[in-house]
PDB file of N, CA and C in Angstrom:
ATOM      1  N   MET A   1       0.853  -1.177  -0.001  1.00  0.00           N
ATOM      2  CA  MET A   1      -0.004   0.000   0.000  1.00  0.00           C
ATOM      3  C   MET A   1       0.894   1.231   0.000  1.00  0.00           C
ATOM      4  N   SER A   2       0.357   2.300  -0.504  1.00  0.00           N
ATOM      5  CA  SER A   2       1.045   3.579  -0.428  1.00  0.00           C
ATOM      6  C   SER A   2      -0.001   4.650  -0.200  1.00  0.00           C
ATOM      7  N   GLY A   3       0.463   5.788   0.248  1.00  0.00           N
ATOM      8  CA  GLY A   3      -0.461   6.883   0.508  1.00  0.00           C
ATOM      9  C   GLY A   3       0.153   8.197   0.118  1.00  0.00           C
ATOM     10  N   SER A   4      -0.664   9.232   0.095  1.00  0.00           N
ATOM     11  CA  SER A   4      -0.163  10.566  -0.207  1.00  0.00           C
ATOM     12  C   SER A   4      -0.875  11.548   0.690  1.00  0.00           C
ATOM     13  N   GLU A   5      -0.300  12.729   0.768  1.00  0.00           N
ATOM     14  CA  GLU A   5      -0.873  13.802   1.577  1.00  0.00           C
ATOM     15  C   GLU A   5      -0.857  15.075   0.763  1.00  0.00           C
ATOM     16  N   LYS A   6      -2.006  15.746   0.682  1.00  0.00           N
ATOM     17  CA  LYS A   6      -2.095  17.011  -0.039  1.00  0.00           C
ATOM     18  C   LYS A   6      -2.043  18.151   0.973  1.00  0.00           C
ATOM     19  N   LEU A   7      -1.029  18.997   0.859  1.00  0.00           N
ATOM     20  CA  LEU A   7      -0.835  20.102   1.797  1.00  0.00           C
ATOM     21  C   LEU A   7      -1.721  21.292   1.413  1.00  0.00           C
ATOM     22  N   ALA A   8      -1.870  22.227   2.340  1.00  0.00           N
ATOM     23  CA  ALA A   8      -2.712  23.405   2.120  1.00  0.00           C
ATOM     24  C   ALA A   8      -2.208  24.231   0.942  1.00  0.00           C
ATOM     25  N   ASN A   9      -0.901  24.209   0.664  1.00  0.00           N
ATOM     26  CA  ASN A   9      -0.355  24.995  -0.447  1.00  0.00           C
ATOM     27  C   ASN A   9      -0.513  24.293  -1.800  1.00  0.00           C
ATOM     28  N   GLY A  10      -1.167  23.121  -1.814  1.00  0.00           N
ATOM     29  CA  GLY A  10      -1.413  22.393  -3.054  1.00  0.00           C
ATOM     30  C   GLY A  10      -0.367  21.343  -3.389  1.00  0.00           C
ATOM     31  N   LYS A  11       0.741  21.349  -2.674  1.00  0.00           N
ATOM     32  CA  LYS A  11       1.793  20.366  -2.918  1.00  0.00           C
ATOM     33  C   LYS A  11       1.334  18.995  -2.427  1.00  0.00           C
ATOM     34  N   THR A  12       1.629  17.952  -3.193  1.00  0.00           N
ATOM     35  CA  THR A  12       1.318  16.599  -2.798  1.00  0.00           C
ATOM     36  C   THR A  12       2.602  15.870  -2.481  1.00  0.00           C
ATOM     37  N   ILE A  13       2.638  15.243  -1.327  1.00  0.00           N
ATOM     38  CA  ILE A  13       3.795  14.440  -0.946  1.00  0.00           C
ATOM     39  C   ILE A  13       3.343  13.003  -0.716  1.00  0.00           C
ATOM     40  N   VAL A  14       4.241  12.089  -0.916  1.00  0.00           N
ATOM     41  CA  VAL A  14       3.932  10.673  -0.754  1.00  0.00           C
ATOM     42  C   VAL A  14       4.815  10.144   0.388  1.00  0.00           C
ATOM     43  N   PRO A  15       4.331  10.272   1.651  1.00  0.00           N
ATOM     44  CA  PRO A  15       5.166   9.896   2.772  1.00  0.00           C
ATOM     45  C   PRO A  15       5.068   8.445   3.215  1.00  0.00           C
ATOM     46  N   SER A  16       4.045   7.749   2.809  1.00  0.00           N
ATOM     47  CA  SER A  16       3.772   6.470   3.448  1.00  0.00           C
ATOM     48  C   SER A  16       4.145   5.306   2.563  1.00  0.00           C
ATOM     49  N   ALA A  17       4.785   4.307   3.145  1.00  0.00           N
ATOM     50  CA  ALA A  17       5.185   3.147   2.388  1.00  0.00           C
ATOM     51  C   ALA A  17       4.508   1.877   2.854  1.00  0.00           C
ATOM     52  N   SER A  18       4.409   1.681   4.153  1.00  0.00           N
ATOM     53  CA  SER A  18       3.781   0.473   4.648  1.00  0.00           C
ATOM     54  C   SER A  18       3.138   0.744   5.998  1.00  0.00           C
ATOM     55  N   GLY A  19       2.258  -0.137   6.403  1.00  0.00           N
ATOM     56  CA  GLY A  19       1.576   0.073   7.669  1.00  0.00           C
ATOM     57  C   GLY A  19       0.820  -1.148   8.122  1.00  0.00           C
ATOM     58  N   ASN A  20      -0.001  -0.930   9.120  1.00  0.00           N
ATOM     59  CA  ASN A  20      -0.743  -2.018   9.725  1.00  0.00           C
ATOM     60  C   ASN A  20      -2.042  -1.473  10.325  1.00  0.00           C
ATOM     61  N   LEU A  21      -3.094  -2.264  10.209  1.00  0.00           N
ATOM     62  CA  LEU A  21      -4.385  -1.958  10.830  1.00  0.00           C
ATOM     63  C   LEU A  21      -4.742  -3.151  11.689  1.00  0.00           C
ATOM     64  N   MET A  22      -4.964  -2.918  12.976  1.00  0.00           N
ATOM     65  CA  MET A  22      -5.340  -3.999  13.883  1.00  0.00           C
ATOM     66  C   MET A  22      -6.684  -3.673  14.509  1.00  0.00           C
ATOM     67  N   LEU A  23      -7.599  -4.625  14.442  1.00  0.00           N
ATOM     68  CA  LEU A  23      -8.918  -4.516  15.056  1.00  0.00           C
ATOM     69  C   LEU A  23      -9.086  -5.722  15.980  1.00  0.00           C
ATOM     70  N   ASP A  24      -9.552  -5.490  17.209  1.00  0.00           N
ATOM     71  CA  ASP A  24      -9.801  -6.645  18.067  1.00  0.00           C
ATOM     72  C   ASP A  24     -11.290  -6.812  18.295  1.00  0.00           C
ATOM     73  N   SER A  25     -11.654  -7.930  18.853  1.00  0.00           N
ATOM     74  CA  SER A  25     -13.072  -8.266  19.012  1.00  0.00           C
ATOM     75  C   SER A  25     -13.772  -7.456  20.086  1.00  0.00           C
ATOM     76  N   THR A  26     -13.027  -6.665  20.886  1.00  0.00           N
ATOM     77  CA  THR A  26     -13.647  -5.834  21.917  1.00  0.00           C
ATOM     78  C   THR A  26     -13.893  -4.402  21.453  1.00  0.00           C
ATOM     79  N   GLY A  27     -13.591  -4.104  20.154  1.00  0.00           N
ATOM     80  CA  GLY A  27     -13.870  -2.780  19.620  1.00  0.00           C
ATOM     81  C   GLY A  27     -12.694  -1.817  19.646  1.00  0.00           C
ATOM     82  N   HIS A  28     -11.477  -2.307  19.814  1.00  0.00           N
ATOM     83  CA  HIS A  28     -10.296  -1.441  19.822  1.00  0.00           C
ATOM     84  C   HIS A  28      -9.564  -1.531  18.486  1.00  0.00           C
ATOM     85  N   VAL A  29      -8.997  -0.383  18.079  1.00  0.00           N
ATOM     86  CA  VAL A  29      -8.307  -0.293  16.804  1.00  0.00           C
ATOM     87  C   VAL A  29      -6.944   0.372  17.004  1.00  0.00           C
ATOM     88  N   ALA A  30      -5.962  -0.096  16.230  1.00  0.00           N
ATOM     89  CA  ALA A  30      -4.660   0.565  16.162  1.00  0.00           C
ATOM     90  C   ALA A  30      -4.258   0.583  14.698  1.00  0.00           C
ATOM     91  N   PHE A  31      -3.726   1.708  14.235  1.00  0.00           N
ATOM     92  CA  PHE A  31      -3.387   1.894  12.833  1.00  0.00           C
ATOM     93  C   PHE A  31      -2.116   2.712  12.752  1.00  0.00           C
ATOM     94  N   PHE A  32      -1.173   2.297  11.913  1.00  0.00           N
ATOM     95  CA  PHE A  32       0.001   3.116  11.703  1.00  0.00           C
ATOM     96  C   PHE A  32       0.562   2.933  10.295  1.00  0.00           C
ATOM     97  N   LEU A  33       1.170   4.001   9.808  1.00  0.00           N
ATOM     98  CA  LEU A  33       1.890   4.018   8.532  1.00  0.00           C
ATOM     99  C   LEU A  33       3.300   4.510   8.812  1.00  0.00           C
ATOM    100  N   VAL A  34       4.271   3.874   8.183  1.00  0.00           N
ATOM    101  CA  VAL A  34       5.670   4.234   8.356  1.00  0.00           C
ATOM    102  C   VAL A  34       6.181   4.796   7.036  1.00  0.00           C
ATOM    103  N   GLY A  35       6.809   5.957   7.101  1.00  0.00           N
ATOM    104  CA  GLY A  35       7.290   6.641   5.909  1.00  0.00           C
ATOM    105  C   GLY A  35       8.352   5.870   5.159  1.00  0.00           C
ATOM    106  N   LYS A  36       8.365   6.076   3.852  1.00  0.00           N
ATOM    107  CA  LYS A  36       9.359   5.380   3.030  1.00  0.00           C
ATOM    108  C   LYS A  36      10.688   6.122   3.038  1.00  0.00           C
ATOM    109  N   ASP A  37      11.728   5.447   2.592  1.00  0.00           N
ATOM    110  CA  ASP A  37      13.073   6.036   2.467  1.00  0.00           C
ATOM    111  C   ASP A  37      13.596   6.575   3.788  1.00  0.00           C
ATOM    112  N   ARG A  38      13.258   5.910   4.891  1.00  0.00           N
ATOM    113  CA  ARG A  38      13.777   6.301   6.193  1.00  0.00           C
ATOM    114  C   ARG A  38      15.194   5.768   6.339  1.00  0.00           C
ATOM    115  N   PRO A  39      16.102   6.552   6.913  1.00  0.00           N
ATOM    116  CA  PRO A  39      17.455   6.043   7.147  1.00  0.00           C
ATOM    117  C   PRO A  39      17.426   4.913   8.172  1.00  0.00           C
ATOM    118  N   LYS A  40      18.329   3.962   8.042  1.00  0.00           N
ATOM    119  CA  LYS A  40      18.389   2.835   8.973  1.00  0.00           C
ATOM    120  C   LYS A  40      18.910   3.260  10.338  1.00  0.00           C
ATOM    121  N   THR A  41      19.846   4.201  10.370  1.00  0.00           N
ATOM    122  CA  THR A  41      20.397   4.683  11.629  1.00  0.00           C
ATOM    123  C   THR A  41      20.634   6.192  11.550  1.00  0.00           C
ATOM    124  N   VAL A  42      20.730   6.820  12.688  1.00  0.00           N
ATOM    125  CA  VAL A  42      21.077   8.233  12.767  1.00  0.00           C
ATOM    126  C   VAL A  42      22.143   8.413  13.855  1.00  0.00           C
ATOM    127  N   ALA A  43      22.924   9.477  13.743  1.00  0.00           N
ATOM    128  CA  ALA A  43      23.991   9.713  14.704  1.00  0.00           C
ATOM    129  C   ALA A  43      23.448   9.956  16.110  1.00  0.00           C
ATOM    130  N   ASN A  44      22.343  10.687  16.206  1.00  0.00           N
ATOM    131  CA  ASN A  44      21.741  11.002  17.497  1.00  0.00           C
ATOM    132  C   ASN A  44      20.416  10.259  17.623  1.00  0.00           C
ATOM    133  N   PRO A  45      20.297   9.243  18.482  1.00  0.00           N
ATOM    134  CA  PRO A  45      19.070   8.459  18.556  1.00  0.00           C
ATOM    135  C   PRO A  45      17.847   9.225  19.057  1.00  0.00           C
ATOM    136  N   SER A  46      18.028  10.428  19.598  1.00  0.00           N
ATOM    137  CA  SER A  46      16.882  11.214  20.044  1.00  0.00           C
ATOM    138  C   SER A  46      16.277  12.036  18.906  1.00  0.00           C
ATOM    139  N   VAL A  47      16.884  12.031  17.715  1.00  0.00           N
ATOM    140  CA  VAL A  47      16.372  12.764  16.563  1.00  0.00           C
ATOM    141  C   VAL A  47      15.379  11.873  15.806  1.00  0.00           C
ATOM    142  N   PRO A  48      14.151  12.338  15.613  1.00  0.00           N
ATOM    143  CA  PRO A  48      13.170  11.529  14.892  1.00  0.00           C
ATOM    144  C   PRO A  48      13.612  11.273  13.449  1.00  0.00           C
ATOM    145  N   ILE A  49      13.296  10.100  12.930  1.00  0.00           N
ATOM    146  CA  ILE A  49      13.626   9.782  11.545  1.00  0.00           C
ATOM    147  C   ILE A  49      12.345   9.508  10.756  1.00  0.00           C
ATOM    148  N   GLY A  50      11.218  10.096  11.193  1.00  0.00           N
ATOM    149  CA  GLY A  50       9.887   9.890  10.628  1.00  0.00           C
ATOM    150  C   GLY A  50       9.825   9.990   9.129  1.00  0.00           C
ATOM    151  N   PRO A  51       8.698  10.090   8.505  1.00  0.00           N
ATOM    152  CA  PRO A  51       7.417  10.292   9.184  1.00  0.00           C
ATOM    153  C   PRO A  51       6.752   8.978   9.618  1.00  0.00           C
ATOM    154  N   VAL A  52       5.950   9.085  10.660  1.00  0.00           N
ATOM    155  CA  VAL A  52       5.108   7.986  11.123  1.00  0.00           C
ATOM    156  C   VAL A  52       3.745   8.579  11.438  1.00  0.00           C
ATOM    157  N   ILE A  53       2.704   7.919  10.981  1.00  0.00           N
ATOM    158  CA  ILE A  53       1.335   8.332  11.274  1.00  0.00           C
ATOM    159  C   ILE A  53       0.719   7.207  12.089  1.00  0.00           C
ATOM    160  N   ALA A  54       0.162   7.530  13.266  1.00  0.00           N
ATOM    161  CA  ALA A  54      -0.389   6.493  14.120  1.00  0.00           C
ATOM    162  C   ALA A  54      -1.724   6.965  14.707  1.00  0.00           C
ATOM    163  N   TYR A  55      -2.616   5.988  14.936  1.00  0.00           N
ATOM    164  CA  TYR A  55      -3.920   6.269  15.520  1.00  0.00           C
ATOM    165  C   TYR A  55      -4.324   5.061  16.337  1.00  0.00           C
ATOM    166  N   TYR A  56      -4.944   5.300  17.468  1.00  0.00           N
ATOM    167  CA  TYR A  56      -5.535   4.200  18.221  1.00  0.00           C
ATOM    168  C   TYR A  56      -6.813   4.697  18.858  1.00  0.00           C
ATOM    169  N   GLY A  57      -7.712   3.792  19.130  1.00  0.00           N
ATOM    170  CA  GLY A  57      -8.986   4.177  19.722  1.00  0.00           C
ATOM    171  C   GLY A  57      -9.957   3.027  19.672  1.00  0.00           C
ATOM    172  N   THR A  58     -11.216   3.357  19.451  1.00  0.00           N
ATOM    173  CA  THR A  58     -12.259   2.349  19.387  1.00  0.00           C
ATOM    174  C   THR A  58     -12.983   2.445  18.051  1.00  0.00           C
ATOM    175  N   TYR A  59     -13.683   1.390  17.723  1.00  0.00           N
ATOM    176  CA  TYR A  59     -14.457   1.370  16.478  1.00  0.00           C
ATOM    177  C   TYR A  59     -15.796   0.696  16.741  1.00  0.00           C
ATOM    178  N   THR A  60     -16.727   0.965  15.838  1.00  0.00           N
ATOM    179  CA  THR A  60     -18.029   0.290  15.857  1.00  0.00           C
ATOM    180  C   THR A  60     -18.322  -0.225  14.455  1.00  0.00           C
ATOM    181  N   VAL A  61     -19.151  -1.244  14.404  1.00  0.00           N
ATOM    182  CA  VAL A  61     -19.563  -1.829  13.120  1.00  0.00           C
ATOM    183  C   VAL A  61     -21.066  -1.680  12.975  1.00  0.00           C
ATOM    184  N   ASP A  62     -21.481  -1.120  11.835  1.00  0.00           N
ATOM    185  CA  ASP A  62     -22.894  -1.032  11.485  1.00  0.00           C
ATOM    186  C   ASP A  62     -23.134  -2.113  10.437  1.00  0.00           C
ATOM    187  N   GLU A  63     -23.582  -3.277  10.883  1.00  0.00           N
ATOM    188  CA  GLU A  63     -23.717  -4.404   9.958  1.00  0.00           C
ATOM    189  C   GLU A  63     -24.718  -4.192   8.826  1.00  0.00           C
ATOM    190  N   PRO A  64     -25.870  -3.534   9.069  1.00  0.00           N
ATOM    191  CA  PRO A  64     -26.805  -3.339   7.948  1.00  0.00           C
ATOM    192  C   PRO A  64     -26.215  -2.537   6.785  1.00  0.00           C
ATOM    193  N   THR A  65     -25.297  -1.597   7.071  1.00  0.00           N
ATOM    194  CA  THR A  65     -24.708  -0.794   6.017  1.00  0.00           C
ATOM    195  C   THR A  65     -23.260  -1.205   5.704  1.00  0.00           C
ATOM    196  N   SER A  66     -22.776  -2.242   6.397  1.00  0.00           N
ATOM    197  CA  SER A  66     -21.387  -2.711   6.228  1.00  0.00           C
ATOM    198  C   SER A  66     -20.397  -1.574   6.392  1.00  0.00           C
ATOM    199  N   THR A  67     -20.574  -0.793   7.468  1.00  0.00           N
ATOM    200  CA  THR A  67     -19.723   0.386   7.720  1.00  0.00           C
ATOM    201  C   THR A  67     -18.947   0.222   9.002  1.00  0.00           C
ATOM    202  N   LEU A  68     -17.665   0.524   8.933  1.00  0.00           N
ATOM    203  CA  LEU A  68     -16.784   0.544  10.106  1.00  0.00           C
ATOM    204  C   LEU A  68     -16.496   1.993  10.429  1.00  0.00           C
ATOM    205  N   THR A  69     -16.783   2.418  11.677  1.00  0.00           N
ATOM    206  CA  THR A  69     -16.572   3.797  12.083  1.00  0.00           C
ATOM    207  C   THR A  69     -15.623   3.838  13.271  1.00  0.00           C
TER     208      THR A  69
END
């Protein structure tokens, strides 16, 4: 999978290369995308080497409309 982001100035960037979506049976969700072309190591480990997009929370399923919210 890949993704893109359209900025307010109209520029489109393609930061995402791979990710994961996890749903459990109790209604919890975790989702993350890891940016492509990230360096394997950096001189200072406290410096972020992103981008990373992450989300966690809860979800519901509306079976009559086959919708996940």
